[in-house]
ModelCIF file with pLDDT and N, C-alpha, C, O atoms, coordinates in Angstrom:
data_MODEL
#
_entry.id   MODEL 
#
_entity.id                         1 
_entity.type                       polymer 
_entity.pdbx_number_of_molecules   1 
#
_entity_poly.entity_id                      1 
_entity_poly.type                           'polypeptide(L)' 
_entity_poly.nstd_linkage                   no 
_entity_poly.nstd_monomer                   no 
_entity_poly.pdbx_seq_one_letter_code       
;(UNK)(UNK)(UNK)(UNK)(UNK)(UNK)(UNK)(UNK)(UNK)(UNK)(UNK)(UNK)(UNK)(UNK)(UNK)(UNK)
(UNK)(UNK)(UNK)(UNK)(UNK)(UNK)(UNK)(UNK)(UNK)(UNK)(UNK)(UNK)(UNK)(UNK)(UNK)(UNK)
(UNK)(UNK)(UNK)(UNK)(UNK)(UNK)(UNK)(UNK)(UNK)(UNK)
;
_entity_poly.pdbx_seq_one_letter_code_can   XXXXXXXXXXXXXXXXXXXXXXXXXXXXXXXXXXXXXXXXXX 
_entity_poly.pdbx_strand_id                 A 
#
loop_
_entity_poly_seq.entity_id 
_entity_poly_seq.num 
_entity_poly_seq.mon_id 
_entity_poly_seq.hetero 
1 1  UNK n 
1 2  UNK n 
1 3  UNK n 
1 4  UNK n 
1 5  UNK n 
1 6  UNK n 
1 7  UNK n 
1 8  UNK n 
1 9  UNK n 
1 10 UNK n 
1 11 UNK n 
1 12 UNK n 
1 13 UNK n 
1 14 UNK n 
1 15 UNK n 
1 16 UNK n 
1 17 UNK n 
1 18 UNK n 
1 19 UNK n 
1 20 UNK n 
1 21 UNK n 
1 22 UNK n 
1 23 UNK n 
1 24 UNK n 
1 25 UNK n 
1 26 UNK n 
1 27 UNK n 
1 28 UNK n 
1 29 UNK n 
1 30 UNK n 
1 31 UNK n 
1 32 UNK n 
1 33 UNK n 
1 34 UNK n 
1 35 UNK n 
1 36 UNK n 
1 37 UNK n 
1 38 UNK n 
1 39 UNK n 
1 40 UNK n 
1 41 UNK n 
1 42 UNK n 
#
_struct_asym.id          A 
_struct_asym.entity_id   1 
#
loop_
_ma_qa_metric.id 
_ma_qa_metric.mode 
_ma_qa_metric.name 
_ma_qa_metric.software_group_id 
_ma_qa_metric.type 
1 global pLDDT . pLDDT 
2 local  pLDDT . pLDDT 
#
_ma_qa_metric_global.metric_id      1 
_ma_qa_metric_global.metric_value   93.45 
_ma_qa_metric_global.model_id       1 
_ma_qa_metric_global.ordinal_id     1 
#
loop_
_ma_qa_metric_local.label_asym_id 
_ma_qa_metric_local.label_comp_id 
_ma_qa_metric_local.label_seq_id 
_ma_qa_metric_local.metric_id 
_ma_qa_metric_local.metric_value 
_ma_qa_metric_local.model_id 
_ma_qa_metric_local.ordinal_id 
A UNK 1  2 97.00 1 1  
A UNK 2  2 97.00 1 2  
A UNK 3  2 97.00 1 3  
A UNK 4  2 98.00 1 4  
A UNK 5  2 98.00 1 5  
A UNK 6  2 98.00 1 6  
A UNK 7  2 98.00 1 7  
A UNK 8  2 98.00 1 8  
A UNK 9  2 98.00 1 9  
A UNK 10 2 98.00 1 10 
A UNK 11 2 98.00 1 11 
A UNK 12 2 98.00 1 12 
A UNK 13 2 97.00 1 13 
A UNK 14 2 96.00 1 14 
A UNK 15 2 95.00 1 15 
A UNK 16 2 93.00 1 16 
A UNK 17 2 91.00 1 17 
A UNK 18 2 82.00 1 18 
A UNK 19 2 75.00 1 19 
A UNK 20 2 67.00 1 20 
A UNK 21 2 67.00 1 21 
A UNK 22 2 78.00 1 22 
A UNK 23 2 84.00 1 23 
A UNK 24 2 92.00 1 24 
A UNK 25 2 94.00 1 25 
A UNK 26 2 96.00 1 26 
A UNK 27 2 97.00 1 27 
A UNK 28 2 97.00 1 28 
A UNK 29 2 98.00 1 29 
A UNK 30 2 98.00 1 30 
A UNK 31 2 98.00 1 31 
A UNK 32 2 98.00 1 32 
A UNK 33 2 98.00 1 33 
A UNK 34 2 98.00 1 34 
A UNK 35 2 97.00 1 35 
A UNK 36 2 97.00 1 36 
A UNK 37 2 95.00 1 37 
A UNK 38 2 94.00 1 38 
A UNK 39 2 95.00 1 39 
A UNK 40 2 95.00 1 40 
A UNK 41 2 94.00 1 41 
A UNK 42 2 96.00 1 42 
#
loop_
_atom_site.group_PDB 
_atom_site.id 
_atom_site.type_symbol 
_atom_site.label_atom_id 
_atom_site.label_alt_id 
_atom_site.label_comp_id 
_atom_site.label_asym_id 
_atom_site.label_entity_id 
_atom_site.label_seq_id 
_atom_site.pdbx_PDB_ins_code 
_atom_site.Cartn_x 
_atom_site.Cartn_y 
_atom_site.Cartn_z 
_atom_site.occupancy 
_atom_site.B_iso_or_equiv 
_atom_site.pdbx_formal_charge 
_atom_site.auth_seq_id 
_atom_site.auth_comp_id 
_atom_site.auth_asym_id 
_atom_site.auth_atom_id 
_atom_site.pdbx_PDB_model_num 
ATOM 1   N N  . UNK A 1 1  ? 16.473 26.415 56.156 1.00 97.00 ? 1  UNK A N  1 
ATOM 2   C CA . UNK A 1 1  ? 17.456 25.507 56.766 1.00 97.00 ? 1  UNK A CA 1 
ATOM 3   C C  . UNK A 1 1  ? 17.695 25.785 58.251 1.00 97.00 ? 1  UNK A C  1 
ATOM 4   O O  . UNK A 1 1  ? 18.014 24.868 59.007 1.00 97.00 ? 1  UNK A O  1 
ATOM 5   N N  . UNK A 1 2  ? 17.543 27.049 58.674 1.00 97.00 ? 2  UNK A N  1 
ATOM 6   C CA . UNK A 1 2  ? 17.750 27.408 60.079 1.00 97.00 ? 2  UNK A CA 1 
ATOM 7   C C  . UNK A 1 2  ? 16.494 27.241 60.926 1.00 97.00 ? 2  UNK A C  1 
ATOM 8   O O  . UNK A 1 2  ? 16.530 27.437 62.140 1.00 97.00 ? 2  UNK A O  1 
ATOM 9   N N  . UNK A 1 3  ? 15.396 26.882 60.293 1.00 97.00 ? 3  UNK A N  1 
ATOM 10  C CA . UNK A 1 3  ? 14.091 26.754 60.942 1.00 97.00 ? 3  UNK A CA 1 
ATOM 11  C C  . UNK A 1 3  ? 13.638 28.050 61.618 1.00 97.00 ? 3  UNK A C  1 
ATOM 12  O O  . UNK A 1 3  ? 13.010 28.031 62.677 1.00 97.00 ? 3  UNK A O  1 
ATOM 13  N N  . UNK A 1 4  ? 13.974 29.175 60.978 1.00 98.00 ? 4  UNK A N  1 
ATOM 14  C CA . UNK A 1 4  ? 13.541 30.468 61.489 1.00 98.00 ? 4  UNK A CA 1 
ATOM 15  C C  . UNK A 1 4  ? 12.426 31.074 60.653 1.00 98.00 ? 4  UNK A C  1 
ATOM 16  O O  . UNK A 1 4  ? 11.796 32.045 61.073 1.00 98.00 ? 4  UNK A O  1 
ATOM 17  N N  . UNK A 1 5  ? 12.171 30.509 59.464 1.00 98.00 ? 5  UNK A N  1 
ATOM 18  C CA . UNK A 1 5  ? 11.145 31.041 58.570 1.00 98.00 ? 5  UNK A CA 1 
ATOM 19  C C  . UNK A 1 5  ? 10.328 29.892 57.985 1.00 98.00 ? 5  UNK A C  1 
ATOM 20  O O  . UNK A 1 5  ? 10.861 29.019 57.299 1.00 98.00 ? 5  UNK A O  1 
ATOM 21  N N  . UNK A 1 6  ? 9.030  29.907 58.267 1.00 98.00 ? 6  UNK A N  1 
ATOM 22  C CA . UNK A 1 6  ? 8.119  28.908 57.705 1.00 98.00 ? 6  UNK A CA 1 
ATOM 23  C C  . UNK A 1 6  ? 7.768  29.333 56.286 1.00 98.00 ? 6  UNK A C  1 
ATOM 24  O O  . UNK A 1 6  ? 7.285  30.443 56.065 1.00 98.00 ? 6  UNK A O  1 
ATOM 25  N N  . UNK A 1 7  ? 8.015  28.433 55.310 1.00 98.00 ? 7  UNK A N  1 
ATOM 26  C CA . UNK A 1 7  ? 7.677  28.711 53.921 1.00 98.00 ? 7  UNK A CA 1 
ATOM 27  C C  . UNK A 1 7  ? 6.255  28.258 53.607 1.00 98.00 ? 7  UNK A C  1 
ATOM 28  O O  . UNK A 1 7  ? 5.441  29.039 53.115 1.00 98.00 ? 7  UNK A O  1 
ATOM 29  N N  . UNK A 1 8  ? 5.963  26.984 53.895 1.00 98.00 ? 8  UNK A N  1 
ATOM 30  C CA . UNK A 1 8  ? 4.683  26.367 53.535 1.00 98.00 ? 8  UNK A CA 1 
ATOM 31  C C  . UNK A 1 8  ? 4.245  25.417 54.632 1.00 98.00 ? 8  UNK A C  1 
ATOM 32  O O  . UNK A 1 8  ? 5.074  24.836 55.333 1.00 98.00 ? 8  UNK A O  1 
ATOM 33  N N  . UNK A 1 9  ? 2.937  25.262 54.775 1.00 98.00 ? 9  UNK A N  1 
ATOM 34  C CA . UNK A 1 9  ? 2.371  24.263 55.682 1.00 98.00 ? 9  UNK A CA 1 
ATOM 35  C C  . UNK A 1 9  ? 1.030  23.830 55.109 1.00 98.00 ? 9  UNK A C  1 
ATOM 36  O O  . UNK A 1 9  ? 0.403  24.560 54.340 1.00 98.00 ? 9  UNK A O  1 
ATOM 37  N N  . UNK A 1 10 ? 0.603  22.644 55.490 1.00 98.00 ? 10 UNK A N  1 
ATOM 38  C CA . UNK A 1 10 ? -0.679 22.166 54.994 1.00 98.00 ? 10 UNK A CA 1 
ATOM 39  C C  . UNK A 1 10 ? -1.144 20.916 55.697 1.00 98.00 ? 10 UNK A C  1 
ATOM 40  O O  . UNK A 1 10 ? -0.420 20.317 56.492 1.00 98.00 ? 10 UNK A O  1 
ATOM 41  N N  . UNK A 1 11 ? -2.355 20.539 55.392 1.00 98.00 ? 11 UNK A N  1 
ATOM 42  C CA . UNK A 1 11 ? -2.973 19.347 55.965 1.00 98.00 ? 11 UNK A CA 1 
ATOM 43  C C  . UNK A 1 11 ? -2.996 18.249 54.924 1.00 98.00 ? 11 UNK A C  1 
ATOM 44  O O  . UNK A 1 11 ? -3.270 18.496 53.750 1.00 98.00 ? 11 UNK A O  1 
ATOM 45  N N  . UNK A 1 12 ? -2.702 17.017 55.365 1.00 98.00 ? 12 UNK A N  1 
ATOM 46  C CA . UNK A 1 12 ? -2.662 15.868 54.470 1.00 98.00 ? 12 UNK A CA 1 
ATOM 47  C C  . UNK A 1 12 ? -3.353 14.680 55.124 1.00 98.00 ? 12 UNK A C  1 
ATOM 48  O O  . UNK A 1 12 ? -3.532 14.632 56.341 1.00 98.00 ? 12 UNK A O  1 
ATOM 49  N N  . UNK A 1 13 ? -3.730 13.742 54.302 1.00 97.00 ? 13 UNK A N  1 
ATOM 50  C CA . UNK A 1 13 ? -4.221 12.444 54.766 1.00 97.00 ? 13 UNK A CA 1 
ATOM 51  C C  . UNK A 1 13 ? -3.519 11.398 53.920 1.00 97.00 ? 13 UNK A C  1 
ATOM 52  O O  . UNK A 1 13 ? -3.300 11.594 52.725 1.00 97.00 ? 13 UNK A O  1 
ATOM 53  N N  . UNK A 1 14 ? -3.167 10.277 54.555 1.00 96.00 ? 14 UNK A N  1 
ATOM 54  C CA . UNK A 1 14 ? -2.415 9.289  53.804 1.00 96.00 ? 14 UNK A CA 1 
ATOM 55  C C  . UNK A 1 14 ? -2.530 7.884  54.339 1.00 96.00 ? 14 UNK A C  1 
ATOM 56  O O  . UNK A 1 14 ? -3.269 7.602  55.282 1.00 96.00 ? 14 UNK A O  1 
ATOM 57  N N  . UNK A 1 15 ? -1.767 7.008  53.701 1.00 95.00 ? 15 UNK A N  1 
ATOM 58  C CA . UNK A 1 15 ? -1.758 5.585  54.036 1.00 95.00 ? 15 UNK A CA 1 
ATOM 59  C C  . UNK A 1 15 ? -0.321 5.084  54.001 1.00 95.00 ? 15 UNK A C  1 
ATOM 60  O O  . UNK A 1 15 ? 0.461  5.448  53.123 1.00 95.00 ? 15 UNK A O  1 
ATOM 61  N N  . UNK A 1 16 ? 0.007  4.247  54.969 1.00 93.00 ? 16 UNK A N  1 
ATOM 62  C CA . UNK A 1 16 ? 1.295  3.567  54.994 1.00 93.00 ? 16 UNK A CA 1 
ATOM 63  C C  . UNK A 1 16 ? 1.047  2.074  54.894 1.00 93.00 ? 16 UNK A C  1 
ATOM 64  O O  . UNK A 1 16 ? 0.164  1.536  55.561 1.00 93.00 ? 16 UNK A O  1 
ATOM 65  N N  . UNK A 1 17 ? 1.822  1.413  54.067 1.00 91.00 ? 17 UNK A N  1 
ATOM 66  C CA . UNK A 1 17 ? 1.803  -0.048 54.008 1.00 91.00 ? 17 UNK A CA 1 
ATOM 67  C C  . UNK A 1 17 ? 3.046  -0.525 54.750 1.00 91.00 ? 17 UNK A C  1 
ATOM 68  O O  . UNK A 1 17 ? 4.162  -0.423 54.242 1.00 91.00 ? 17 UNK A O  1 
ATOM 69  N N  . UNK A 1 18 ? 2.843  -1.041 55.942 1.00 82.00 ? 18 UNK A N  1 
ATOM 70  C CA . UNK A 1 18 ? 3.952  -1.445 56.802 1.00 82.00 ? 18 UNK A CA 1 
ATOM 71  C C  . UNK A 1 18 ? 4.308  -2.905 56.558 1.00 82.00 ? 18 UNK A C  1 
ATOM 72  O O  . UNK A 1 18 ? 3.480  -3.800 56.730 1.00 82.00 ? 18 UNK A O  1 
ATOM 73  N N  . UNK A 1 19 ? 5.539  -3.125 56.159 1.00 75.00 ? 19 UNK A N  1 
ATOM 74  C CA . UNK A 1 19 ? 6.042  -4.478 55.945 1.00 75.00 ? 19 UNK A CA 1 
ATOM 75  C C  . UNK A 1 19 ? 7.272  -4.637 56.819 1.00 75.00 ? 19 UNK A C  1 
ATOM 76  O O  . UNK A 1 19 ? 8.362  -4.209 56.440 1.00 75.00 ? 19 UNK A O  1 
ATOM 77  N N  . UNK A 1 20 ? 7.110  -5.244 57.978 1.00 67.00 ? 20 UNK A N  1 
ATOM 78  C CA . UNK A 1 20 ? 8.208  -5.395 58.933 1.00 67.00 ? 20 UNK A CA 1 
ATOM 79  C C  . UNK A 1 20 ? 9.408  -6.073 58.279 1.00 67.00 ? 20 UNK A C  1 
ATOM 80  O O  . UNK A 1 20 ? 9.260  -7.082 57.589 1.00 67.00 ? 20 UNK A O  1 
ATOM 81  N N  . UNK A 1 21 ? 10.595 -5.514 58.499 1.00 67.00 ? 21 UNK A N  1 
ATOM 82  C CA . UNK A 1 21 ? 11.813 -6.082 57.963 1.00 67.00 ? 21 UNK A CA 1 
ATOM 83  C C  . UNK A 1 21 ? 12.106 -5.685 56.530 1.00 67.00 ? 21 UNK A C  1 
ATOM 84  O O  . UNK A 1 21 ? 13.179 -6.001 56.016 1.00 67.00 ? 21 UNK A O  1 
ATOM 85  N N  . UNK A 1 22 ? 11.195 -5.010 55.880 1.00 78.00 ? 22 UNK A N  1 
ATOM 86  C CA . UNK A 1 22 ? 11.375 -4.561 54.498 1.00 78.00 ? 22 UNK A CA 1 
ATOM 87  C C  . UNK A 1 22 ? 11.020 -3.085 54.419 1.00 78.00 ? 22 UNK A C  1 
ATOM 88  O O  . UNK A 1 22 ? 10.458 -2.523 55.359 1.00 78.00 ? 22 UNK A O  1 
ATOM 89  N N  . UNK A 1 23 ? 11.351 -2.456 53.286 1.00 84.00 ? 23 UNK A N  1 
ATOM 90  C CA . UNK A 1 23 ? 10.926 -1.073 53.099 1.00 84.00 ? 23 UNK A CA 1 
ATOM 91  C C  . UNK A 1 23 ? 9.410  -1.003 53.149 1.00 84.00 ? 23 UNK A C  1 
ATOM 92  O O  . UNK A 1 23 ? 8.716  -1.841 52.573 1.00 84.00 ? 23 UNK A O  1 
ATOM 93  N N  . UNK A 1 24 ? 8.909  0.004  53.841 1.00 92.00 ? 24 UNK A N  1 
ATOM 94  C CA . UNK A 1 24 ? 7.468  0.234  53.890 1.00 92.00 ? 24 UNK A CA 1 
ATOM 95  C C  . UNK A 1 24 ? 7.155  1.478  53.063 1.00 92.00 ? 24 UNK A C  1 
ATOM 96  O O  . UNK A 1 24 ? 7.940  2.425  53.035 1.00 92.00 ? 24 UNK A O  1 
ATOM 97  N N  . UNK A 1 25 ? 6.022  1.471  52.400 1.00 94.00 ? 25 UNK A N  1 
ATOM 98  C CA . UNK A 1 25 ? 5.647  2.555  51.499 1.00 94.00 ? 25 UNK A CA 1 
ATOM 99  C C  . UNK A 1 25 ? 4.558  3.427  52.122 1.00 94.00 ? 25 UNK A C  1 
ATOM 100 O O  . UNK A 1 25 ? 3.746  2.952  52.916 1.00 94.00 ? 25 UNK A O  1 
ATOM 101 N N  . UNK A 1 26 ? 4.554  4.704  51.751 1.00 96.00 ? 26 UNK A N  1 
ATOM 102 C CA . UNK A 1 26 ? 3.521  5.627  52.222 1.00 96.00 ? 26 UNK A CA 1 
ATOM 103 C C  . UNK A 1 26 ? 3.201  6.622  51.112 1.00 96.00 ? 26 UNK A C  1 
ATOM 104 O O  . UNK A 1 26 ? 3.995  6.843  50.197 1.00 96.00 ? 26 UNK A O  1 
ATOM 105 N N  . UNK A 1 27 ? 2.031  7.208  51.219 1.00 97.00 ? 27 UNK A N  1 
ATOM 106 C CA . UNK A 1 27 ? 1.632  8.257  50.271 1.00 97.00 ? 27 UNK A CA 1 
ATOM 107 C C  . UNK A 1 27 ? 0.569  9.125  50.931 1.00 97.00 ? 27 UNK A C  1 
ATOM 108 O O  . UNK A 1 27 ? -0.274 8.641  51.686 1.00 97.00 ? 27 UNK A O  1 
ATOM 109 N N  . UNK A 1 28 ? 0.628  10.437 50.624 1.00 97.00 ? 28 UNK A N  1 
ATOM 110 C CA . UNK A 1 28 ? -0.350 11.383 51.168 1.00 97.00 ? 28 UNK A CA 1 
ATOM 111 C C  . UNK A 1 28 ? -0.810 12.348 50.080 1.00 97.00 ? 28 UNK A C  1 
ATOM 112 O O  . UNK A 1 28 ? -0.121 12.570 49.084 1.00 97.00 ? 28 UNK A O  1 
ATOM 113 N N  . UNK A 1 29 ? -1.969 12.900 50.296 1.00 98.00 ? 29 UNK A N  1 
ATOM 114 C CA . UNK A 1 29 ? -2.502 13.982 49.472 1.00 98.00 ? 29 UNK A CA 1 
ATOM 115 C C  . UNK A 1 29 ? -3.039 15.037 50.414 1.00 98.00 ? 29 UNK A C  1 
ATOM 116 O O  . UNK A 1 29 ? -3.591 14.712 51.465 1.00 98.00 ? 29 UNK A O  1 
ATOM 117 N N  . UNK A 1 30 ? -2.883 16.299 50.047 1.00 98.00 ? 30 UNK A N  1 
ATOM 118 C CA . UNK A 1 30 ? -3.347 17.354 50.935 1.00 98.00 ? 30 UNK A CA 1 
ATOM 119 C C  . UNK A 1 30 ? -3.515 18.676 50.230 1.00 98.00 ? 30 UNK A C  1 
ATOM 120 O O  . UNK A 1 30 ? -3.597 18.759 49.005 1.00 98.00 ? 30 UNK A O  1 
ATOM 121 N N  . UNK A 1 31 ? -3.563 19.720 51.061 1.00 98.00 ? 31 UNK A N  1 
ATOM 122 C CA . UNK A 1 31 ? -3.770 21.084 50.585 1.00 98.00 ? 31 UNK A CA 1 
ATOM 123 C C  . UNK A 1 31 ? -2.853 22.023 51.354 1.00 98.00 ? 31 UNK A C  1 
ATOM 124 O O  . UNK A 1 31 ? -2.688 21.885 52.566 1.00 98.00 ? 31 UNK A O  1 
ATOM 125 N N  . UNK A 1 32 ? -2.255 22.977 50.648 1.00 98.00 ? 32 UNK A N  1 
ATOM 126 C CA . UNK A 1 32 ? -1.435 23.999 51.295 1.00 98.00 ? 32 UNK A CA 1 
ATOM 127 C C  . UNK A 1 32 ? -2.375 24.974 52.005 1.00 98.00 ? 32 UNK A C  1 
ATOM 128 O O  . UNK A 1 32 ? -3.219 25.604 51.368 1.00 98.00 ? 32 UNK A O  1 
ATOM 129 N N  . UNK A 1 33 ? -2.223 25.096 53.329 1.00 98.00 ? 33 UNK A N  1 
ATOM 130 C CA . UNK A 1 33 ? -3.081 25.976 54.125 1.00 98.00 ? 33 UNK A CA 1 
ATOM 131 C C  . UNK A 1 33 ? -2.367 27.238 54.592 1.00 98.00 ? 33 UNK A C  1 
ATOM 132 O O  . UNK A 1 33 ? -3.007 28.196 55.027 1.00 98.00 ? 33 UNK A O  1 
ATOM 133 N N  . UNK A 1 34 ? -1.030 27.237 54.502 1.00 98.00 ? 34 UNK A N  1 
ATOM 134 C CA . UNK A 1 34 ? -0.244 28.412 54.854 1.00 98.00 ? 34 UNK A CA 1 
ATOM 135 C C  . UNK A 1 34 ? 0.886  28.549 53.840 1.00 98.00 ? 34 UNK A C  1 
ATOM 136 O O  . UNK A 1 34 ? 1.533  27.563 53.486 1.00 98.00 ? 34 UNK A O  1 
ATOM 137 N N  . UNK A 1 35 ? 1.120  29.776 53.376 1.00 97.00 ? 35 UNK A N  1 
ATOM 138 C CA . UNK A 1 35 ? 2.190  30.030 52.410 1.00 97.00 ? 35 UNK A CA 1 
ATOM 139 C C  . UNK A 1 35 ? 2.689  31.455 52.634 1.00 97.00 ? 35 UNK A C  1 
ATOM 140 O O  . UNK A 1 35 ? 1.898  32.394 52.733 1.00 97.00 ? 35 UNK A O  1 
ATOM 141 N N  . UNK A 1 36 ? 4.006  31.602 52.714 1.00 97.00 ? 36 UNK A N  1 
ATOM 142 C CA . UNK A 1 36 ? 4.585  32.896 53.053 1.00 97.00 ? 36 UNK A CA 1 
ATOM 143 C C  . UNK A 1 36 ? 5.667  33.299 52.061 1.00 97.00 ? 36 UNK A C  1 
ATOM 144 O O  . UNK A 1 36 ? 6.265  32.461 51.387 1.00 97.00 ? 36 UNK A O  1 
ATOM 145 N N  . UNK A 1 37 ? 5.903  34.623 51.989 1.00 95.00 ? 37 UNK A N  1 
ATOM 146 C CA . UNK A 1 37 ? 6.978  35.163 51.158 1.00 95.00 ? 37 UNK A CA 1 
ATOM 147 C C  . UNK A 1 37 ? 6.805  34.791 49.701 1.00 95.00 ? 37 UNK A C  1 
ATOM 148 O O  . UNK A 1 37 ? 5.721  34.928 49.135 1.00 95.00 ? 37 UNK A O  1 
ATOM 149 N N  . UNK A 1 38 ? 7.885  34.320 49.099 1.00 94.00 ? 38 UNK A N  1 
ATOM 150 C CA . UNK A 1 38 ? 7.862  33.991 47.674 1.00 94.00 ? 38 UNK A CA 1 
ATOM 151 C C  . UNK A 1 38 ? 6.950  32.810 47.352 1.00 94.00 ? 38 UNK A C  1 
ATOM 152 O O  . UNK A 1 38 ? 6.710  32.528 46.178 1.00 94.00 ? 38 UNK A O  1 
ATOM 153 N N  . UNK A 1 39 ? 6.440  32.117 48.360 1.00 95.00 ? 39 UNK A N  1 
ATOM 154 C CA . UNK A 1 39 ? 5.585  30.952 48.145 1.00 95.00 ? 39 UNK A CA 1 
ATOM 155 C C  . UNK A 1 39 ? 4.092  31.256 48.320 1.00 95.00 ? 39 UNK A C  1 
ATOM 156 O O  . UNK A 1 39 ? 3.274  30.337 48.284 1.00 95.00 ? 39 UNK A O  1 
ATOM 157 N N  . UNK A 1 40 ? 3.727  32.518 48.508 1.00 95.00 ? 40 UNK A N  1 
ATOM 158 C CA . UNK A 1 40 ? 2.331  32.897 48.742 1.00 95.00 ? 40 UNK A CA 1 
ATOM 159 C C  . UNK A 1 40 ? 1.372  32.401 47.667 1.00 95.00 ? 40 UNK A C  1 
ATOM 160 O O  . UNK A 1 40 ? 0.222  32.076 47.962 1.00 95.00 ? 40 UNK A O  1 
ATOM 161 N N  . UNK A 1 41 ? 1.837  32.341 46.427 1.00 94.00 ? 41 UNK A N  1 
ATOM 162 C CA . UNK A 1 41 ? 0.966  31.914 45.323 1.00 94.00 ? 41 UNK A CA 1 
ATOM 163 C C  . UNK A 1 41 ? 0.553  30.446 45.428 1.00 94.00 ? 41 UNK A C  1 
ATOM 164 O O  . UNK A 1 41 ? -0.347 30.010 44.711 1.00 94.00 ? 41 UNK A O  1 
ATOM 165 N N  . UNK A 1 42 ? 1.190  29.686 46.303 1.00 96.00 ? 42 UNK A N  1 
ATOM 166 C CA . UNK A 1 42 ? 0.892  28.259 46.413 1.00 96.00 ? 42 UNK A CA 1 
ATOM 167 C C  . UNK A 1 42 ? -0.215 27.979 47.433 1.00 96.00 ? 42 UNK A C  1 
ATOM 168 O O  . UNK A 1 42 ? -0.583 26.823 47.643 1.00 96.00 ? 42 UNK A O  1 
#
């Protein structure tokens, strides 16, 4: 919450369906490339 400790990071690729004036949808898939502390197993 304080942005002093990075837990996880990764690379993703995705698609957004942009509909002006309405909710737009997005989705991504990726891989965890960095994991620290209690999240190392990920």
